[in-house]
Amino acid sequence: ILNRYWDHFETPRQESYKEDVHDAKSYQGNKEEFYRHIRAG
C-alpha cells in the first residue's frame, strides 16, 4: 500500500473560489474531478 494526496470534497476551494471556477472551464473532464485534483494539490 502506497499513498497519494486526496480531498474529501469535489467543489471549488472556498479560499480560491473564483480561481477554481475559472480554471475548471478549461479542464478536459468533469468539473468535480478537476476540483478533487486541485484540492489534492
All heavy atoms as atom14 arrays in JSON, in Angstrom:
{
  "sequence": "ILNRYWDHFETPRQESYKEDVHDAKSYQGNKEEFYRHIRAG",
  "atom14_mask": [
    [1, 1, 1, 1, 1, 1, 1, 1, 0, 0, 0, 0, 0, 0],
    [1, 1, 1, 1, 1, 1, 1, 1, 0, 0, 0, 0, 0, 0],
    [1, 1, 1, 1, 1, 1, 1, 1, 0, 0, 0, 0, 0, 0],
    [1, 1, 1, 1, 1, 1, 1, 1, 1, 1, 1, 0, 0, 0],
    [1, 1, 1, 1, 1, 1, 1, 1, 1, 1, 1, 1, 0, 0],
    [1, 1, 1, 1, 1, 1, 1, 1, 1, 1, 1, 1, 1, 1],
    [1, 1, 1, 1, 1, 1, 1, 1, 0, 0, 0, 0, 0, 0],
    [1, 1, 1, 1, 1, 1, 1, 1, 1, 1, 0, 0, 0, 0],
    [1, 1, 1, 1, 1, 1, 1, 1, 1, 1, 1, 0, 0, 0],
    [1, 1, 1, 1, 1, 1, 1, 1, 1, 0, 0, 0, 0, 0],
    [1, 1, 1, 1, 1, 1, 1, 0, 0, 0, 0, 0, 0, 0],
    [1, 1, 1, 1, 1, 1, 1, 0, 0, 0, 0, 0, 0, 0],
    [1, 1, 1, 1, 1, 1, 1, 1, 1, 1, 1, 0, 0, 0],
    [1, 1, 1, 1, 1, 1, 1, 1, 1, 0, 0, 0, 0, 0],
    [1, 1, 1, 1, 1, 1, 1, 1, 1, 0, 0, 0, 0, 0],
    [1, 1, 1, 1, 1, 1, 0, 0, 0, 0, 0, 0, 0, 0],
    [1, 1, 1, 1, 1, 1, 1, 1, 1, 1, 1, 1, 0, 0],
    [1, 1, 1, 1, 1, 1, 1, 1, 1, 0, 0, 0, 0, 0],
    [1, 1, 1, 1, 1, 1, 1, 1, 1, 0, 0, 0, 0, 0],
    [1, 1, 1, 1, 1, 1, 1, 1, 0, 0, 0, 0, 0, 0],
    [1, 1, 1, 1, 1, 1, 1, 0, 0, 0, 0, 0, 0, 0],
    [1, 1, 1, 1, 1, 1, 1, 1, 1, 1, 0, 0, 0, 0],
    [1, 1, 1, 1, 1, 1, 1, 1, 0, 0, 0, 0, 0, 0],
    [1, 1, 1, 1, 1, 0, 0, 0, 0, 0, 0, 0, 0, 0],
    [1, 1, 1, 1, 1, 1, 1, 1, 1, 0, 0, 0, 0, 0],
    [1, 1, 1, 1, 1, 1, 0, 0, 0, 0, 0, 0, 0, 0],
    [1, 1, 1, 1, 1, 1, 1, 1, 1, 1, 1, 1, 0, 0],
    [1, 1, 1, 1, 1, 1, 1, 1, 1, 0, 0, 0, 0, 0],
    [1, 1, 1, 1, 0, 0, 0, 0, 0, 0, 0, 0, 0, 0],
    [1, 1, 1, 1, 1, 1, 1, 1, 0, 0, 0, 0, 0, 0],
    [1, 1, 1, 1, 1, 1, 1, 1, 1, 0, 0, 0, 0, 0],
    [1, 1, 1, 1, 1, 1, 1, 1, 1, 0, 0, 0, 0, 0],
    [1, 1, 1, 1, 1, 1, 1, 1, 1, 0, 0, 0, 0, 0],
    [1, 1, 1, 1, 1, 1, 1, 1, 1, 1, 1, 0, 0, 0],
    [1, 1, 1, 1, 1, 1, 1, 1, 1, 1, 1, 1, 0, 0],
    [1, 1, 1, 1, 1, 1, 1, 1, 1, 1, 1, 0, 0, 0],
    [1, 1, 1, 1, 1, 1, 1, 1, 1, 1, 0, 0, 0, 0],
    [1, 1, 1, 1, 1, 1, 1, 1, 0, 0, 0, 0, 0, 0],
    [1, 1, 1, 1, 1, 1, 1, 1, 1, 1, 1, 0, 0, 0],
    [1, 1, 1, 1, 1, 0, 0, 0, 0, 0, 0, 0, 0, 0],
    [1, 1, 1, 1, 0, 0, 0, 0, 0, 0, 0, 0, 0, 0]
  ],
  "atom14_positions": [
    [[0.85, -1.19, 0.0], [0.0, 0.0, 0.0], [0.89, 1.24, 0.0], [1.72, 1.42, 0.9], [-0.93, 0.04, 1.23], [-1.83, -1.2, 1.25], [-1.77, 1.32, 1.22], [-2.81, -1.3, 0.11], [0.0, 0.0, 0.0], [0.0, 0.0, 0.0], [0.0, 0.0, 0.0], [0.0, 0.0, 0.0], [0.0, 0.0, 0.0], [0.0, 0.0, 0.0]],
    [[0.74, 2.06, -1.02], [1.38, 3.37, -1.08], [0.3, 4.44, -1.01], [-0.9, 4.13, -1.06], [2.23, 3.51, -2.34], [3.5, 2.63, -2.38], [4.18, 2.73, -3.75], [4.47, 3.04, -1.28], [0.0, 0.0, 0.0], [0.0, 0.0, 0.0], [0.0, 0.0, 0.0], [0.0, 0.0, 0.0], [0.0, 0.0, 0.0], [0.0, 0.0, 0.0]],
    [[0.71, 5.68, -0.91], [-0.27, 6.76, -0.67], [-0.18, 7.88, -1.68], [0.86, 8.11, -2.3], [-0.09, 7.32, 0.75], [-0.49, 6.32, 1.81], [0.25, 5.4, 2.11], [-1.69, 6.48, 2.36], [0.0, 0.0, 0.0], [0.0, 0.0, 0.0], [0.0, 0.0, 0.0], [0.0, 0.0, 0.0], [0.0, 0.0, 0.0], [0.0, 0.0, 0.0]],
    [[-1.3, 8.57, -1.79], [-1.42, 9.74, -2.66], [-2.13, 10.84, -1.89], [-2.65, 10.61, -0.77], [-2.24, 9.39, -3.91], [-3.67, 8.95, -3.57], [-4.49, 8.67, -4.81], [-5.82, 8.16, -4.46], [-6.79, 7.94, -5.34], [-6.58, 8.19, -6.64], [-7.98, 7.48, -4.96], [0.0, 0.0, 0.0], [0.0, 0.0, 0.0], [0.0, 0.0, 0.0]],
    [[-2.18, 12.02, -2.46], [-2.93, 13.11, -1.86], [-4.38, 13.07, -2.35], [-4.68, 12.61, -3.45], [-2.28, 14.45, -2.18], [-0.98, 14.65, -1.43], [0.25, 14.66, -2.11], [-0.97, 14.8, -0.05], [1.44, 14.83, -1.41], [0.21, 14.95, 0.66], [1.42, 14.97, -0.04], [2.6, 15.12, 0.65], [0.0, 0.0, 0.0], [0.0, 0.0, 0.0]],
    [[-5.27, 13.59, -1.53], [-6.71, 13.46, -1.77], [-7.42, 14.61, -1.07], [-6.81, 15.39, -0.33], [-7.2, 12.11, -1.22], [-8.61, 11.71, -1.53], [-9.66, 11.7, -0.67], [-9.11, 11.23, -2.77], [-10.79, 11.23, -1.3], [-10.48, 10.94, -2.6], [-8.55, 11.02, -4.04], [-11.3, 10.46, -3.63], [-9.36, 10.53, -5.06], [-10.71, 10.25, -4.85]],
    [[-8.71, 14.75, -1.28], [-9.55, 15.69, -0.54], [-10.94, 15.08, -0.52], [-11.36, 14.46, -1.5], [-9.57, 17.07, -1.21], [-10.25, 18.13, -0.35], [-11.48, 18.01, -0.11], [-9.58, 19.07, 0.08], [0.0, 0.0, 0.0], [0.0, 0.0, 0.0], [0.0, 0.0, 0.0], [0.0, 0.0, 0.0], [0.0, 0.0, 0.0], [0.0, 0.0, 0.0]],
    [[-11.64, 15.25, 0.57], [-12.97, 14.63, 0.7], [-14.05, 15.38, -0.07], [-15.17, 14.88, -0.19], [-13.34, 14.53, 2.18], [-12.46, 13.6, 2.94], [-12.42, 12.25, 2.71], [-11.52, 13.82, 3.92], [-11.54, 11.67, 3.51], [-10.97, 12.6, 4.25], [0.0, 0.0, 0.0], [0.0, 0.0, 0.0], [0.0, 0.0, 0.0], [0.0, 0.0, 0.0]],
    [[-13.72, 16.54, -0.61], [-14.71, 17.31, -1.35], [-14.32, 17.45, -2.82], [-13.14, 17.36, -3.17], [-14.87, 18.7, -0.73], [-15.36, 18.66, 0.7], [-14.51, 19.01, 1.74], [-16.65, 18.27, 1.0], [-14.95, 18.97, 3.06], [-17.1, 18.22, 2.32], [-16.25, 18.58, 3.35], [0.0, 0.0, 0.0], [0.0, 0.0, 0.0], [0.0, 0.0, 0.0]],
    [[-15.29, 17.67, -3.66], [-15.06, 17.88, -5.09], [-15.82, 19.13, -5.55], [-16.62, 19.11, -6.47], [-15.47, 16.64, -5.89], [-16.82, 16.06, -5.53], [-17.13, 14.77, -6.27], [-16.17, 14.15, -6.79], [-18.31, 14.4, -6.35], [0.0, 0.0, 0.0], [0.0, 0.0, 0.0], [0.0, 0.0, 0.0], [0.0, 0.0, 0.0], [0.0, 0.0, 0.0]],
    [[-15.53, 20.22, -4.84], [-16.1, 21.53, -5.12], [-14.96, 22.55, -5.14], [-13.86, 22.25, -4.69], [-17.11, 21.92, -4.03], [-16.45, 21.85, -2.75], [-18.31, 20.99, -4.02], [0.0, 0.0, 0.0], [0.0, 0.0, 0.0], [0.0, 0.0, 0.0], [0.0, 0.0, 0.0], [0.0, 0.0, 0.0], [0.0, 0.0, 0.0], [0.0, 0.0, 0.0]],
    [[-15.19, 23.75, -5.65], [-14.12, 24.77, -5.62], [-13.67, 25.03, -4.19], [-14.47, 25.02, -3.25], [-14.8, 26.01, -6.23], [-15.95, 25.49, -7.0], [-16.42, 24.27, -6.28], [0.0, 0.0, 0.0], [0.0, 0.0, 0.0], [0.0, 0.0, 0.0], [0.0, 0.0, 0.0], [0.0, 0.0, 0.0], [0.0, 0.0, 0.0], [0.0, 0.0, 0.0]],
    [[-12.38, 25.28, -4.02], [-11.88, 25.67, -2.71], [-12.51, 27.01, -2.31], [-12.49, 27.96, -3.1], [-10.35, 25.82, -2.74], [-9.59, 24.52, -2.94], [-8.12, 24.8, -3.23], [-7.95, 25.53, -4.48], [-6.94, 26.33, -4.77], [-5.98, 26.54, -3.9], [-6.87, 26.93, -5.95], [0.0, 0.0, 0.0], [0.0, 0.0, 0.0], [0.0, 0.0, 0.0]],
    [[-13.03, 27.11, -1.1], [-13.68, 28.34, -0.69], [-12.73, 29.53, -0.71], [-13.12, 30.65, -1.04], [-14.28, 28.18, 0.71], [-15.43, 27.18, 0.8], [-14.96, 25.81, 1.23], [-13.89, 25.36, 0.82], [-15.76, 25.13, 2.05], [0.0, 0.0, 0.0], [0.0, 0.0, 0.0], [0.0, 0.0, 0.0], [0.0, 0.0, 0.0], [0.0, 0.0, 0.0]],
    [[-11.44, 29.3, -0.35], [-10.48, 30.39, -0.26], [-9.88, 30.75, -1.62], [-9.11, 31.71, -1.72], [-9.36, 30.02, 0.72], [-8.33, 29.03, 0.2], [-8.77, 27.58, 0.2], [-9.96, 27.3, 0.43], [-7.9, 26.71, -0.04], [0.0, 0.0, 0.0], [0.0, 0.0, 0.0], [0.0, 0.0, 0.0], [0.0, 0.0, 0.0], [0.0, 0.0, 0.0]],
    [[-10.22, 29.99, -2.66], [-9.78, 30.31, -4.04], [-10.93, 30.03, -5.0], [-10.75, 29.47, -6.07], [-8.56, 29.45, -4.41], [-7.47, 29.7, -3.56], [0.0, 0.0, 0.0], [0.0, 0.0, 0.0], [0.0, 0.0, 0.0], [0.0, 0.0, 0.0], [0.0, 0.0, 0.0], [0.0, 0.0, 0.0], [0.0, 0.0, 0.0], [0.0, 0.0, 0.0]],
    [[-12.11, 30.44, -4.6], [-13.35, 30.03, -5.27], [-13.4, 30.47, -6.73], [-13.57, 29.65, -7.64], [-14.54, 30.61, -4.5], [-15.88, 30.08, -4.96], [-16.36, 28.86, -4.48], [-16.66, 30.79, -5.86], [-17.6, 28.37, -4.87], [-17.9, 30.3, -6.27], [-18.36, 29.1, -5.79], [-19.58, 28.61, -6.19], [0.0, 0.0, 0.0], [0.0, 0.0, 0.0]],
    [[-13.21, 31.76, -6.97], [-13.31, 32.26, -8.34], [-12.23, 31.67, -9.23], [-12.46, 31.33, -10.39], [-13.22, 33.79, -8.37], [-13.43, 34.38, -9.76], [-13.43, 35.9, -9.74], [-13.7, 36.44, -11.14], [-13.72, 37.94, -11.16], [0.0, 0.0, 0.0], [0.0, 0.0, 0.0], [0.0, 0.0, 0.0], [0.0, 0.0, 0.0], [0.0, 0.0, 0.0]],
    [[-11.01, 31.53, -8.67], [-9.89, 30.97, -9.44], [-10.19, 29.53, -9.88], [-9.94, 29.15, -11.03], [-8.61, 30.99, -8.6], [-8.07, 32.38, -8.29], [-8.67, 33.02, -7.06], [-9.73, 32.53, -6.58], [-8.1, 34.0, -6.56], [0.0, 0.0, 0.0], [0.0, 0.0, 0.0], [0.0, 0.0, 0.0], [0.0, 0.0, 0.0], [0.0, 0.0, 0.0]],
    [[-10.76, 28.76, -8.96], [-11.05, 27.36, -9.3], [-12.18, 27.25, -10.32], [-12.11, 26.42, -11.24], [-11.42, 26.58, -8.03], [-10.22, 26.29, -7.16], [-9.09, 26.65, -7.57], [-10.4, 25.71, -6.07], [0.0, 0.0, 0.0], [0.0, 0.0, 0.0], [0.0, 0.0, 0.0], [0.0, 0.0, 0.0], [0.0, 0.0, 0.0], [0.0, 0.0, 0.0]],
    [[-13.21, 28.06, -10.16], [-14.31, 28.05, -11.13], [-13.79, 28.42, -12.52], [-14.15, 27.79, -13.53], [-15.42, 29.01, -10.69], [-16.45, 29.19, -11.8], [-16.1, 28.5, -9.41], [0.0, 0.0, 0.0], [0.0, 0.0, 0.0], [0.0, 0.0, 0.0], [0.0, 0.0, 0.0], [0.0, 0.0, 0.0], [0.0, 0.0, 0.0], [0.0, 0.0, 0.0]],
    [[-12.91, 29.42, -12.57], [-12.33, 29.84, -13.86], [-11.48, 28.74, -14.48], [-11.62, 28.4, -15.66], [-11.48, 31.1, -13.64], [-10.73, 31.53, -14.87], [-9.44, 31.11, -15.12], [-11.09, 32.34, -15.91], [-9.02, 31.62, -16.27], [-10.01, 32.37, -16.76], [0.0, 0.0, 0.0], [0.0, 0.0, 0.0], [0.0, 0.0, 0.0], [0.0, 0.0, 0.0]],
    [[-10.58, 28.14, -13.68], [-9.67, 27.12, -14.22], [-10.4, 25.85, -14.62], [-9.98, 25.15, -15.55], [-8.58, 26.79, -13.19], [-7.58, 27.93, -13.0], [-7.4, 28.73, -13.94], [-6.99, 28.02, -11.91], [0.0, 0.0, 0.0], [0.0, 0.0, 0.0], [0.0, 0.0, 0.0], [0.0, 0.0, 0.0], [0.0, 0.0, 0.0], [0.0, 0.0, 0.0]],
    [[-11.5, 25.56, -13.95], [-12.26, 24.34, -14.26], [-12.85, 24.39, -15.66], [-13.09, 23.34, -16.28], [-13.36, 24.13, -13.23], [0.0, 0.0, 0.0], [0.0, 0.0, 0.0], [0.0, 0.0, 0.0], [0.0, 0.0, 0.0], [0.0, 0.0, 0.0], [0.0, 0.0, 0.0], [0.0, 0.0, 0.0], [0.0, 0.0, 0.0], [0.0, 0.0, 0.0]],
    [[-13.08, 25.58, -16.18], [-13.68, 25.72, -17.52], [-12.8, 25.12, -18.6], [-13.29, 24.68, -19.65], [-13.96, 27.19, -17.81], [-15.02, 27.81, -16.93], [-15.19, 29.3, -17.2], [-16.22, 29.92, -16.27], [-16.34, 31.4, -16.47], [0.0, 0.0, 0.0], [0.0, 0.0, 0.0], [0.0, 0.0, 0.0], [0.0, 0.0, 0.0], [0.0, 0.0, 0.0]],
    [[-11.49, 25.09, -18.37], [-10.56, 24.57, -19.37], [-10.2, 23.11, -19.14], [-9.4, 22.55, -19.9], [-9.27, 25.42, -19.37], [-9.54, 26.77, -19.62], [0.0, 0.0, 0.0], [0.0, 0.0, 0.0], [0.0, 0.0, 0.0], [0.0, 0.0, 0.0], [0.0, 0.0, 0.0], [0.0, 0.0, 0.0], [0.0, 0.0, 0.0], [0.0, 0.0, 0.0]],
    [[-10.76, 22.5, -18.1], [-10.42, 21.13, -17.77], [-11.12, 20.16, -18.7], [-12.32, 20.28, -18.96], [-10.8, 20.83, -16.32], [-10.44, 19.43, -15.87], [-9.11, 19.08, -15.66], [-11.42, 18.47, -15.65], [-8.76, 17.81, -15.23], [-11.09, 17.19, -15.22], [-9.76, 16.87, -15.03], [-9.42, 15.61, -14.61], [0.0, 0.0, 0.0], [0.0, 0.0, 0.0]],
    [[-10.37, 19.2, -19.24], [-10.93, 18.21, -20.14], [-11.48, 17.03, -19.34], [-10.85, 16.0, -19.19], [-9.86, 17.74, -21.12], [-9.25, 18.83, -21.98], [-10.29, 19.53, -22.85], [-11.06, 18.89, -23.56], [-10.31, 20.86, -22.8], [0.0, 0.0, 0.0], [0.0, 0.0, 0.0], [0.0, 0.0, 0.0], [0.0, 0.0, 0.0], [0.0, 0.0, 0.0]],
    [[-12.65, 17.21, -18.81], [-13.28, 16.19, -17.98], [-14.35, 16.84, -17.14], [-14.67, 18.02, -17.32], [0.0, 0.0, 0.0], [0.0, 0.0, 0.0], [0.0, 0.0, 0.0], [0.0, 0.0, 0.0], [0.0, 0.0, 0.0], [0.0, 0.0, 0.0], [0.0, 0.0, 0.0], [0.0, 0.0, 0.0], [0.0, 0.0, 0.0], [0.0, 0.0, 0.0]],
    [[-14.94, 16.07, -16.21], [-15.99, 16.68, -15.39], [-15.38, 17.59, -14.34], [-14.25, 17.38, -13.88], [-16.89, 15.6, -14.76], [-16.16, 14.77, -13.73], [-15.79, 15.25, -12.66], [-15.95, 13.49, -14.04], [0.0, 0.0, 0.0], [0.0, 0.0, 0.0], [0.0, 0.0, 0.0], [0.0, 0.0, 0.0], [0.0, 0.0, 0.0], [0.0, 0.0, 0.0]],
    [[-16.12, 18.61, -13.99], [-15.61, 19.66, -13.09], [-15.31, 19.11, -11.7], [-14.36, 19.55, -11.04], [-16.62, 20.82, -13.01], [-16.94, 21.46, -14.35], [-15.7, 22.08, -14.97], [-16.01, 22.79, -16.27], [-16.19, 21.88, -17.43], [0.0, 0.0, 0.0], [0.0, 0.0, 0.0], [0.0, 0.0, 0.0], [0.0, 0.0, 0.0], [0.0, 0.0, 0.0]],
    [[-16.11, 18.14, -11.25], [-15.88, 17.58, -9.92], [-14.51, 16.91, -9.86], [-13.81, 17.0, -8.84], [-16.97, 16.57, -9.57], [-18.33, 17.19, -9.3], [-19.05, 17.61, -10.57], [-18.63, 17.17, -11.68], [-20.01, 18.38, -10.47], [0.0, 0.0, 0.0], [0.0, 0.0, 0.0], [0.0, 0.0, 0.0], [0.0, 0.0, 0.0], [0.0, 0.0, 0.0]],
    [[-14.09, 16.26, -10.93], [-12.78, 15.63, -10.98], [-11.68, 16.68, -10.89], [-10.68, 16.5, -10.18], [-12.65, 14.84, -12.28], [-11.37, 14.03, -12.4], [-11.31, 13.25, -13.69], [-11.38, 13.87, -14.77], [-11.21, 12.01, -13.63], [0.0, 0.0, 0.0], [0.0, 0.0, 0.0], [0.0, 0.0, 0.0], [0.0, 0.0, 0.0], [0.0, 0.0, 0.0]],
    [[-11.86, 17.79, -11.6], [-10.88, 18.88, -11.53], [-10.76, 19.4, -10.11], [-9.64, 19.59, -9.6], [-11.28, 20.03, -12.46], [-10.43, 21.27, -12.28], [-9.18, 21.36, -12.87], [-10.87, 22.32, -11.5], [-8.39, 22.48, -12.7], [-10.08, 23.45, -11.31], [-8.84, 23.53, -11.92], [0.0, 0.0, 0.0], [0.0, 0.0, 0.0], [0.0, 0.0, 0.0]],
    [[-11.9, 19.65, -9.46], [-11.85, 20.2, -8.11], [-11.17, 19.23, -7.14], [-10.45, 19.66, -6.23], [-13.27, 20.53, -7.63], [-13.93, 21.63, -8.42], [-15.26, 21.52, -8.84], [-13.23, 22.78, -8.79], [-15.88, 22.53, -9.58], [-13.84, 23.79, -9.53], [-15.16, 23.65, -9.92], [-15.75, 24.65, -10.66], [0.0, 0.0, 0.0], [0.0, 0.0, 0.0]],
    [[-11.37, 17.93, -7.32], [-10.68, 16.96, -6.48], [-9.17, 17.04, -6.67], [-8.4, 17.03, -5.72], [-11.17, 15.55, -6.81], [-10.52, 14.47, -5.96], [-11.29, 14.2, -4.7], [-12.52, 13.5, -4.99], [-13.49, 13.26, -4.11], [-13.34, 13.68, -2.88], [-14.6, 12.62, -4.45], [0.0, 0.0, 0.0], [0.0, 0.0, 0.0], [0.0, 0.0, 0.0]],
    [[-8.74, 17.13, -7.94], [-7.31, 17.22, -8.24], [-6.71, 18.5, -7.66], [-5.6, 18.49, -7.1], [-7.08, 17.21, -9.75], [-7.22, 15.87, -10.4], [-6.64, 14.73, -9.89], [-7.87, 15.48, -11.53], [-6.92, 13.71, -10.68], [-7.66, 14.13, -11.67], [0.0, 0.0, 0.0], [0.0, 0.0, 0.0], [0.0, 0.0, 0.0], [0.0, 0.0, 0.0]],
    [[-7.42, 19.61, -7.79], [-6.88, 20.9, -7.33], [-6.8, 20.91, -5.81], [-5.84, 21.41, -5.21], [-7.72, 22.07, -7.87], [-6.86, 23.34, -8.0], [-8.93, 22.39, -7.03], [-6.03, 23.42, -9.23], [0.0, 0.0, 0.0], [0.0, 0.0, 0.0], [0.0, 0.0, 0.0], [0.0, 0.0, 0.0], [0.0, 0.0, 0.0], [0.0, 0.0, 0.0]],
    [[-7.78, 20.33, -5.15], [-7.77, 20.25, -3.69], [-6.67, 19.3, -3.21], [-5.99, 19.58, -2.22], [-9.14, 19.77, -3.19], [-10.22, 20.84, -3.23], [-11.58, 20.25, -2.89], [-12.57, 21.31, -2.6], [-12.81, 21.8, -1.41], [-12.13, 21.34, -0.36], [-13.7, 22.75, -1.22], [0.0, 0.0, 0.0], [0.0, 0.0, 0.0], [0.0, 0.0, 0.0]],
    [[-6.49, 18.19, -3.92], [-5.41, 17.27, -3.56], [-4.05, 17.94, -3.74], [-3.13, 17.73, -2.95], [-5.49, 15.99, -4.41], [0.0, 0.0, 0.0], [0.0, 0.0, 0.0], [0.0, 0.0, 0.0], [0.0, 0.0, 0.0], [0.0, 0.0, 0.0], [0.0, 0.0, 0.0], [0.0, 0.0, 0.0], [0.0, 0.0, 0.0], [0.0, 0.0, 0.0]],
    [[-3.93, 18.77, -4.78], [-2.7, 19.53, -4.97], [-2.45, 20.48, -3.81], [-1.3, 20.68, -3.39], [0.0, 0.0, 0.0], [0.0, 0.0, 0.0], [0.0, 0.0, 0.0], [0.0, 0.0, 0.0], [0.0, 0.0, 0.0], [0.0, 0.0, 0.0], [0.0, 0.0, 0.0], [0.0, 0.0, 0.0], [0.0, 0.0, 0.0], [0.0, 0.0, 0.0]]
  ]
}
